[in-house]
Amino acid sequence: MAIPLFANAQERTLTIEEAMNIALENNYQIKQAENNRGLADTQVRSAKADFLPNLNASFNGNRTVGRQFVEEDASFDDRTTYGFSGSLSTNVTVFDGFTNIANLRRAEAERASDELFLQRLRENIMFETASRFLQVVLNQELLKISQSTLEASESQLEQISAQVEVGALPMINLYNQEATVASDELSVIQNENALEVSKAQLIRIMQDETITEVIPEMPSVEDLSLVPVDLNLQELIEAALEIRSDLRAQEYDIESNRQTHKIARAQYLPTITAGAGFSSRYSDQISFMGDPVPFSDQFFDQNISRNIGFSISIPIFNRWNTRTSIENASVQLRNSELDMDNIRFQVSEEVRQAYNDYHSIAQELESSEKALIAAQRAYDTEQQRFEVGATTLIELNQANANFVQAQSNRIQAVYSFVFQERLLDYYLGQLGQNLE
């Protein structure tokens, strides 16, 4: 069974947009939400159908054996009789306290809420996929830095080993450099592991069993747009309060609870229904002048009856069940309104935090570039000084460690800035509009 399962497994080169599209197509939560949306459509159709009259047909056949009353001679006799009857009836609700109208509005509000919930769920999956994709790219870049550092350390070890052999440097320098190489090897191993873990997490959220290895395709750091945008915090909050699908979904939840409250109150009002019916019957005991009356004459002519009427049901006392239903509906309505206030505060807080983080990371982006340039110059200077014997190996390794750290800080600042842009779009509720 395992052979066909992994027969098509492959390595896949993906852009961030392709990864998000795969996750959206395969995610089980989205499929469940789409099923719920289909169920909501069915409930709306059912609520609309409640305005229509019903139509019922029934047919009954019977065979009676035993002592029976004989109409012809007004006596009782033991005999077997056969009978058949049929009816067609319809009923329509004329007035039910506007329950059918409230029920339709509630179903429509629930459908709109499910649609917006699906939209926000899609945004969640897109954001989570983008986050994992960017983490893979970052870990990949950090691995390249550690590998490059290891290569430089090994090359430096070869040079120091040769100088120690000819007595130009003391043995302690060789030991120190070997320790540096070992530390760099450990850093490579750790970054390799971090990269594999992040790839596994990306594959997990895409839920595509044919993909066993991913190669992220991302513009180079030089090609990325790293220019911070001037943003107005109040405008961002107002836009989020207007756009966020989870906030709008809560509005429809409130409307649904409001209609539920109306349905509960309608139980105090009378219900008026109108109906009409058509029926007929046949019996083998009916005769005319001693001759049995045929089935067609009885069922289609002589025994036909019609009826039309209406009924009024007035609730008087139902053991306070109506009052309990109204109280329950009132509590649900108030709770949903409180949830709405909480979501509004949460949206404002998320946007404010994302805004502050965006400006902070923009500043880190600028400072990390300056620090990288300075660290590279310091390392180049120490390298030249070490070659002429003007500095020690310890100072050179320290300059190299500072340079590596500056490279790491720079690449993390770059992808943190890209990630923060996505995060800001996510909290604004417009991630799906900004995929490029």
Protein backbone atom coordinates (compact mmCIF):
# COMPACT_ATOMS: atom_id res chain seq x y z
CA MET A 1 0.00 0.00 0.00
CA ALA A 2 2.91 2.35 0.66
CA ILE A 3 4.34 1.95 -2.85
CA PRO A 4 1.59 3.75 -4.80
CA LEU A 5 1.24 6.34 -2.04
CA PHE A 6 4.77 7.66 -2.57
CA ALA A 7 5.19 6.71 -6.20
CA ASN A 8 4.57 10.28 -7.33
CA ALA A 9 6.46 11.96 -4.47
CA GLN A 10 8.78 14.63 -5.80
CA GLU A 11 10.91 17.64 -5.17
CA ARG A 12 9.03 20.86 -5.88
CA THR A 13 10.21 24.40 -6.57
CA LEU A 14 7.62 26.83 -5.22
CA THR A 15 6.99 30.53 -5.02
CA ILE A 16 5.19 31.89 -1.99
CA GLU A 17 2.00 32.35 -4.04
CA GLU A 18 2.12 28.77 -5.31
CA ALA A 19 2.59 27.46 -1.76
CA MET A 20 -0.43 29.43 -0.55
CA ASN A 21 -2.58 28.20 -3.45
CA ILE A 22 -1.67 24.57 -2.72
CA ALA A 23 -2.52 25.04 0.96
CA LEU A 24 -5.86 26.67 0.10
CA GLU A 25 -6.71 23.81 -2.23
CA ASN A 26 -5.87 20.99 0.19
CA ASN A 27 -6.59 22.33 3.68
CA TYR A 28 -9.20 20.23 5.45
CA GLN A 29 -10.53 23.12 7.54
CA ILE A 30 -11.41 25.05 4.39
CA LYS A 31 -13.17 22.00 2.96
CA GLN A 32 -15.19 21.65 6.17
CA ALA A 33 -16.11 25.35 6.06
CA GLU A 34 -17.21 24.98 2.42
CA ASN A 35 -19.42 22.06 3.45
CA ASN A 36 -20.96 24.22 6.19
CA ARG A 37 -21.57 26.98 3.67
CA GLY A 38 -23.42 24.53 1.45
CA LEU A 39 -25.53 23.50 4.43
CA ALA A 40 -26.32 27.16 5.11
CA ASP A 41 -27.59 27.51 1.51
CA THR A 42 -29.88 24.54 2.13
CA GLN A 43 -31.22 26.14 5.31
CA VAL A 44 -32.02 29.36 3.42
CA ARG A 45 -33.94 27.40 0.78
CA SER A 46 -35.83 25.59 3.53
CA ALA A 47 -36.74 28.89 5.20
CA LYS A 48 -38.06 30.25 1.90
CA ALA A 49 -40.09 27.09 1.36
CA ASP A 50 -41.87 27.66 4.69
CA PHE A 51 -43.93 30.38 2.97
CA LEU A 52 -45.41 27.83 0.54
CA PRO A 53 -48.41 25.59 1.22
CA ASN A 54 -47.83 21.91 1.80
CA LEU A 55 -49.54 19.11 -0.14
CA ASN A 56 -50.33 15.67 1.26
CA ALA A 57 -51.89 12.60 -0.30
CA SER A 58 -52.97 9.46 1.51
CA PHE A 59 -54.53 6.13 0.44
CA ASN A 60 -55.88 3.40 2.72
CA GLY A 61 -57.11 -0.12 2.01
CA ASN A 62 -58.70 -2.43 4.53
CA ARG A 63 -60.18 -5.91 4.92
CA THR A 64 -62.54 -6.47 7.85
CA VAL A 65 -63.57 -9.93 9.07
CA GLY A 66 -66.19 -10.52 11.79
CA ARG A 67 -69.57 -9.43 13.00
CA GLN A 68 -70.59 -6.19 11.30
CA PHE A 69 -73.62 -3.97 10.83
CA VAL A 70 -75.36 -4.51 7.48
CA GLU A 71 -76.98 -1.33 6.24
CA GLU A 72 -79.30 -3.04 3.72
CA ASP A 73 -81.36 -4.90 6.31
CA ALA A 74 -80.24 -3.03 9.43
CA SER A 75 -78.90 -6.17 11.07
CA PHE A 76 -75.62 -7.62 12.27
CA ASP A 77 -73.96 -10.47 10.43
CA ASP A 78 -70.63 -12.32 10.26
CA ARG A 79 -68.95 -11.43 6.97
CA THR A 80 -65.78 -10.17 5.27
CA THR A 81 -65.76 -6.66 3.78
CA TYR A 82 -63.28 -4.70 1.69
CA GLY A 83 -62.79 -0.96 1.57
CA PHE A 84 -60.55 1.69 0.03
CA SER A 85 -60.19 5.42 0.65
CA GLY A 86 -58.01 8.26 -0.51
CA SER A 87 -57.51 11.94 0.23
CA LEU A 88 -55.58 15.01 -0.95
CA SER A 89 -55.06 17.96 1.40
CA THR A 90 -53.12 21.21 1.63
CA ASN A 91 -52.38 23.70 4.40
CA VAL A 92 -50.78 27.12 4.40
CA THR A 93 -49.71 29.32 7.29
CA VAL A 94 -51.50 32.65 7.10
CA PHE A 95 -49.98 34.19 10.23
CA ASP A 96 -47.51 32.83 12.76
CA GLY A 97 -46.33 35.99 14.51
CA PHE A 98 -43.90 36.70 11.62
CA THR A 99 -41.87 33.65 12.65
CA ASN A 100 -41.35 32.55 9.04
CA ILE A 101 -39.97 36.00 8.11
CA ALA A 102 -37.62 36.06 11.09
CA ASN A 103 -36.53 32.49 10.37
CA LEU A 104 -35.62 33.41 6.78
CA ARG A 105 -33.66 36.46 7.90
CA ARG A 106 -31.84 34.38 10.50
CA ALA A 107 -30.90 31.74 7.90
CA GLU A 108 -29.62 34.43 5.54
CA ALA A 109 -27.56 36.03 8.32
CA GLU A 110 -26.05 32.66 9.25
CA ARG A 111 -25.18 31.99 5.63
CA ALA A 112 -23.46 35.38 5.33
CA SER A 113 -21.59 34.69 8.59
CA ASP A 114 -20.41 31.30 7.31
CA GLU A 115 -19.21 32.91 4.09
CA LEU A 116 -17.19 35.52 5.98
CA PHE A 117 -15.84 32.86 8.34
CA LEU A 118 -14.63 30.93 5.30
CA GLN A 119 -12.98 34.07 3.96
CA ARG A 120 -11.13 34.69 7.24
CA LEU A 121 -10.14 31.05 7.44
CA ARG A 122 -8.62 31.30 3.98
CA GLU A 123 -6.68 34.36 5.15
CA ASN A 124 -5.46 32.40 8.18
CA ILE A 125 -4.19 29.57 5.98
CA MET A 126 -2.54 32.00 3.58
CA PHE A 127 -0.83 33.84 6.41
CA GLU A 128 0.36 30.66 8.12
CA THR A 129 1.67 29.29 4.82
CA ALA A 130 3.46 32.54 4.01
CA SER A 131 5.01 32.57 7.49
CA ARG A 132 6.33 29.04 7.12
CA PHE A 133 7.56 29.73 3.60
CA LEU A 134 9.49 32.80 4.73
CA GLN A 135 10.93 30.81 7.63
CA VAL A 136 12.27 28.24 5.15
CA VAL A 137 13.83 31.02 3.08
CA LEU A 138 15.37 32.60 6.17
CA ASN A 139 16.78 29.28 7.41
CA GLN A 140 18.14 28.60 3.95
CA GLU A 141 19.96 31.95 3.92
CA LEU A 142 21.29 31.39 7.44
CA LEU A 143 22.59 27.98 6.35
CA LYS A 144 24.42 29.59 3.42
CA ILE A 145 26.04 32.08 5.79
CA SER A 146 27.15 29.34 8.19
CA GLN A 147 28.50 27.20 5.33
CA SER A 148 30.42 30.16 3.92
CA THR A 149 31.80 30.89 7.38
CA LEU A 150 32.85 27.27 7.78
CA GLU A 151 34.66 27.33 4.43
CA ALA A 152 36.51 30.48 5.45
CA SER A 153 37.43 28.95 8.82
CA GLU A 154 38.73 25.76 7.20
CA SER A 155 40.78 27.80 4.75
CA GLN A 156 42.15 29.83 7.65
CA LEU A 157 42.95 26.58 9.48
CA GLU A 158 45.01 25.35 6.54
CA GLN A 159 47.01 28.59 6.48
CA ILE A 160 47.64 28.56 10.23
CA SER A 161 48.60 24.87 10.15
CA ALA A 162 51.22 25.59 7.50
CA GLN A 163 52.60 28.53 9.46
CA VAL A 164 52.74 26.46 12.67
CA GLU A 165 54.72 23.75 10.86
CA VAL A 166 57.41 26.24 9.84
CA GLY A 167 57.43 27.85 13.28
CA ALA A 168 55.95 31.17 12.16
CA LEU A 169 53.05 30.86 14.64
CA PRO A 170 52.74 29.20 18.03
CA MET A 171 50.77 25.96 18.44
CA ILE A 172 48.07 27.74 20.48
CA ASN A 173 46.87 29.48 17.28
CA LEU A 174 46.29 26.10 15.65
CA TYR A 175 44.27 24.89 18.63
CA ASN A 176 42.19 28.06 18.69
CA GLN A 177 41.42 27.80 14.99
CA GLU A 178 40.48 24.14 15.28
CA ALA A 179 38.03 25.12 18.01
CA THR A 180 36.61 27.81 15.71
CA VAL A 181 36.17 25.31 12.87
CA ALA A 182 34.41 22.88 15.19
CA SER A 183 32.08 25.65 16.37
CA ASP A 184 31.31 26.60 12.76
CA GLU A 185 30.62 22.94 11.91
CA LEU A 186 28.12 22.79 14.79
CA SER A 187 26.48 25.96 13.51
CA VAL A 188 26.08 24.37 10.05
CA ILE A 189 24.53 21.24 11.56
CA GLN A 190 22.09 23.29 13.63
CA ASN A 191 21.08 25.41 10.64
CA GLU A 192 20.63 22.30 8.49
CA ASN A 193 18.31 20.84 11.11
CA ALA A 194 16.37 24.10 11.43
CA LEU A 195 15.95 24.20 7.65
CA GLU A 196 14.64 20.63 7.48
CA VAL A 197 12.20 21.27 10.32
CA SER A 198 10.85 24.41 8.65
CA LYS A 199 10.47 22.54 5.33
CA ALA A 200 8.53 19.78 7.08
CA GLN A 201 6.23 22.39 8.63
CA LEU A 202 5.65 23.99 5.23
CA ILE A 203 4.87 20.62 3.62
CA ARG A 204 2.52 19.84 6.51
CA ILE A 205 0.37 22.91 6.00
CA MET A 206 0.22 22.38 2.22
CA GLN A 207 -1.09 18.82 2.84
CA ASP A 208 0.16 17.52 -0.51
CA GLU A 209 1.52 14.01 -0.05
CA THR A 210 3.24 14.08 -3.47
CA ILE A 211 5.65 16.78 -2.27
CA THR A 212 8.50 15.44 -0.15
CA GLU A 213 11.02 18.24 -0.67
CA VAL A 214 10.50 21.95 -1.33
CA ILE A 215 12.85 24.45 -2.90
CA PRO A 216 11.59 27.95 -2.09
CA GLU A 217 11.83 30.42 -4.93
CA MET A 218 12.19 33.94 -3.63
CA PRO A 219 13.61 37.15 -5.12
CA SER A 220 17.13 37.89 -3.95
CA VAL A 221 17.63 40.36 -1.16
CA GLU A 222 18.79 42.92 -3.71
CA ASP A 223 15.55 42.54 -5.69
CA LEU A 224 13.21 42.83 -2.70
CA SER A 225 11.39 46.07 -2.10
CA LEU A 226 12.74 47.17 1.26
CA VAL A 227 11.46 50.74 1.28
CA PRO A 228 9.21 51.40 4.29
CA VAL A 229 5.83 52.95 3.53
CA ASP A 230 4.59 55.94 5.47
CA LEU A 231 1.43 54.75 7.23
CA ASN A 232 -1.21 56.47 9.34
CA LEU A 233 -2.20 54.43 12.37
CA GLN A 234 -5.74 55.80 12.71
CA GLU A 235 -6.47 55.21 9.03
CA LEU A 236 -5.20 51.64 9.34
CA ILE A 237 -7.46 50.95 12.34
CA GLU A 238 -10.49 52.40 10.57
CA ALA A 239 -9.74 50.35 7.46
CA ALA A 240 -9.39 47.16 9.50
CA LEU A 241 -12.69 47.81 11.31
CA GLU A 242 -14.32 48.22 7.91
CA ILE A 243 -12.67 45.30 6.10
CA ARG A 244 -11.97 42.54 8.61
CA SER A 245 -14.16 39.57 7.69
CA ASP A 246 -14.27 38.19 11.25
CA LEU A 247 -15.68 41.52 12.46
CA ARG A 248 -18.32 41.55 9.73
CA ALA A 249 -19.13 37.90 10.46
CA GLN A 250 -19.84 38.86 14.06
CA GLU A 251 -22.27 41.51 12.83
CA TYR A 252 -24.23 38.80 11.06
CA ASP A 253 -24.10 36.63 14.19
CA ILE A 254 -25.71 39.49 16.09
CA GLU A 255 -28.39 39.75 13.41
CA SER A 256 -29.02 36.02 13.63
CA ASN A 257 -29.46 36.23 17.41
CA ARG A 258 -31.73 39.24 16.99
CA GLN A 259 -34.00 37.22 14.68
CA THR A 260 -33.91 34.31 17.13
CA HIS A 261 -35.17 36.71 19.80
CA LYS A 262 -38.04 37.75 17.51
CA ILE A 263 -38.94 34.10 16.90
CA ALA A 264 -39.07 33.49 20.63
CA ARG A 265 -41.35 36.49 21.22
CA ALA A 266 -43.64 35.36 18.40
CA GLN A 267 -44.71 32.41 20.56
CA TYR A 268 -46.98 34.85 22.45
CA LEU A 269 -49.00 35.52 19.26
CA PRO A 270 -51.75 33.36 17.74
CA THR A 271 -51.20 31.19 14.69
CA ILE A 272 -53.66 31.16 11.77
CA THR A 273 -53.64 28.41 9.16
CA ALA A 274 -55.89 27.75 6.17
CA GLY A 275 -56.50 24.38 4.58
CA ALA A 276 -58.43 22.53 1.92
CA GLY A 277 -59.02 18.84 1.27
CA PHE A 278 -60.47 16.36 -1.20
CA SER A 279 -61.33 12.76 -0.32
CA SER A 280 -63.25 9.73 -1.53
CA ARG A 281 -63.91 6.13 -0.49
CA TYR A 282 -65.14 2.74 -1.68
CA SER A 283 -66.78 -0.23 0.08
CA ASP A 284 -67.90 -3.54 -1.37
CA GLN A 285 -70.93 -3.47 0.96
CA ILE A 286 -72.61 -0.54 -0.78
CA SER A 287 -75.33 -1.63 -3.22
CA PHE A 288 -78.21 -0.13 -5.15
CA MET A 289 -81.41 -2.15 -5.50
CA GLY A 290 -79.51 -5.28 -4.57
CA ASP A 291 -76.64 -4.73 -7.01
CA PRO A 292 -73.19 -3.71 -5.73
CA VAL A 293 -72.12 -0.22 -6.78
CA PRO A 294 -68.92 -0.36 -8.91
CA PHE A 295 -65.63 1.08 -7.67
CA SER A 296 -65.50 3.84 -10.29
CA ASP A 297 -69.01 5.07 -9.44
CA GLN A 298 -68.26 5.19 -5.73
CA PHE A 299 -64.69 6.49 -5.69
CA PHE A 300 -64.88 8.97 -8.58
CA ASP A 301 -68.48 10.17 -8.22
CA GLN A 302 -70.83 9.24 -5.39
CA ASN A 303 -68.47 9.28 -2.35
CA ILE A 304 -66.43 12.40 -3.14
CA SER A 305 -66.20 15.00 -0.38
CA ARG A 306 -64.49 18.38 -0.27
CA ASN A 307 -63.55 20.66 2.59
CA ILE A 308 -62.06 24.08 3.15
CA GLY A 309 -61.44 25.97 6.38
CA PHE A 310 -59.10 27.71 8.72
CA SER A 311 -57.91 27.35 12.27
CA ILE A 312 -56.64 29.73 14.95
CA SER A 313 -54.35 28.59 17.73
CA ILE A 314 -54.06 30.99 20.67
CA PRO A 315 -51.33 30.31 23.26
CA ILE A 316 -52.65 30.81 26.78
CA PHE A 317 -50.30 28.97 29.10
CA ASN A 318 -47.38 26.71 28.23
CA ARG A 319 -45.67 26.40 31.62
CA TRP A 320 -43.51 29.53 31.08
CA ASN A 321 -41.58 27.86 28.23
CA THR A 322 -42.03 30.94 26.05
CA ARG A 323 -40.61 33.22 28.73
CA THR A 324 -37.63 30.89 29.14
CA SER A 325 -37.01 30.89 25.37
CA ILE A 326 -37.14 34.69 25.29
CA GLU A 327 -34.67 34.96 28.18
CA ASN A 328 -32.28 32.54 26.50
CA ALA A 329 -32.49 34.46 23.24
CA SER A 330 -31.93 37.76 25.06
CA VAL A 331 -28.81 36.43 26.76
CA GLN A 332 -27.42 35.11 23.47
CA LEU A 333 -28.06 38.47 21.83
CA ARG A 334 -26.35 40.43 24.60
CA ASN A 335 -23.39 38.03 24.61
CA SER A 336 -22.93 38.37 20.87
CA GLU A 337 -22.96 42.17 21.21
CA LEU A 338 -20.30 41.91 23.91
CA ASP A 339 -18.27 39.63 21.62
CA MET A 340 -18.53 42.32 18.97
CA ASP A 341 -17.06 44.93 21.31
CA ASN A 342 -14.24 42.55 22.27
CA ILE A 343 -13.42 41.82 18.61
CA ARG A 344 -13.30 45.54 17.81
CA PHE A 345 -10.83 46.11 20.65
CA GLN A 346 -8.82 43.09 19.51
CA VAL A 347 -8.66 44.35 15.92
CA SER A 348 -7.49 47.77 17.09
CA GLU A 349 -4.85 46.20 19.32
CA GLU A 350 -3.57 43.88 16.57
CA VAL A 351 -3.31 46.69 14.02
CA ARG A 352 -1.60 48.99 16.53
CA GLN A 353 0.94 46.28 17.46
CA ALA A 354 1.59 45.43 13.79
CA TYR A 355 2.04 49.13 13.01
CA ASN A 356 4.57 49.60 15.82
CA ASP A 357 6.43 46.41 14.87
CA TYR A 358 6.54 47.54 11.23
CA HIS A 359 8.23 50.83 12.16
CA SER A 360 10.57 49.08 14.58
CA ILE A 361 11.66 46.52 11.98
CA ALA A 362 12.07 49.27 9.38
CA GLN A 363 14.55 50.92 11.75
CA GLU A 364 16.28 47.57 12.35
CA LEU A 365 16.56 47.16 8.58
CA GLU A 366 18.48 50.40 8.28
CA SER A 367 20.70 49.80 11.32
CA SER A 368 21.49 46.21 10.31
CA GLU A 369 22.73 47.38 6.93
CA LYS A 370 25.06 49.90 8.57
CA ALA A 371 26.26 47.29 11.08
CA LEU A 372 26.96 44.80 8.28
CA ILE A 373 29.05 47.30 6.34
CA ALA A 374 31.02 48.22 9.46
CA ALA A 375 31.54 44.58 10.50
CA GLN A 376 32.77 43.65 7.03
CA ARG A 377 35.27 46.51 7.03
CA ALA A 378 36.47 45.54 10.49
CA TYR A 379 36.93 41.92 9.45
CA ASP A 380 38.79 42.86 6.25
CA THR A 381 41.07 45.15 8.27
CA GLU A 382 41.77 42.46 10.89
CA GLN A 383 42.47 39.96 8.11
CA GLN A 384 45.07 42.25 6.58
CA ARG A 385 46.62 42.99 9.97
CA PHE A 386 46.80 39.28 10.82
CA GLU A 387 48.57 38.53 7.55
CA VAL A 388 51.36 41.01 8.46
CA GLY A 389 51.44 39.87 12.10
CA ALA A 390 49.97 43.07 13.54
CA THR A 391 47.09 41.31 15.37
CA THR A 392 46.34 38.02 17.04
CA LEU A 393 44.19 35.12 15.85
CA ILE A 394 41.79 35.72 18.70
CA GLU A 395 41.12 39.26 17.50
CA LEU A 396 40.69 38.02 13.93
CA ASN A 397 38.21 35.33 15.01
CA GLN A 398 36.30 37.88 17.06
CA ALA A 399 36.07 40.18 14.03
CA ASN A 400 34.94 37.21 11.95
CA ALA A 401 32.29 36.29 14.55
CA ASN A 402 31.05 39.88 14.54
CA PHE A 403 30.85 39.83 10.75
CA VAL A 404 28.91 36.56 10.74
CA GLN A 405 26.53 37.89 13.38
CA ALA A 406 26.03 41.06 11.34
CA GLN A 407 25.23 38.98 8.26
CA SER A 408 22.75 36.94 10.25
CA ASN A 409 21.14 40.05 11.73
CA ARG A 410 20.88 41.61 8.29
CA ILE A 411 19.20 38.64 6.63
CA GLN A 412 16.82 38.23 9.57
CA ALA A 413 15.92 41.92 9.43
CA VAL A 414 15.23 41.66 5.70
CA TYR A 415 12.85 38.72 5.96
CA SER A 416 11.33 40.02 9.16
CA PHE A 417 10.46 43.18 7.23
CA VAL A 418 8.88 41.13 4.43
CA PHE A 419 7.01 39.06 7.00
CA GLN A 420 5.82 42.16 8.85
CA GLU A 421 4.34 43.52 5.64
CA ARG A 422 2.35 40.30 5.29
CA LEU A 423 1.37 40.46 8.94
CA LEU A 424 0.09 44.01 8.55
CA ASP A 425 -2.00 42.96 5.54
CA TYR A 426 -3.34 40.04 7.54
CA TYR A 427 -4.44 42.19 10.47
CA LEU A 428 -5.98 44.69 8.07
CA GLY A 429 -7.99 41.87 6.50
CA GLN A 430 -6.58 42.34 3.00
CA LEU A 431 -3.97 39.60 2.76
CA GLY A 432 -5.75 38.00 -0.19
CA GLN A 433 -5.63 41.33 -2.06
CA ASN A 434 -1.83 41.65 -1.71
CA LEU A 435 -0.29 38.40 -2.88
CA GLU A 436 2.30 39.96 -5.14
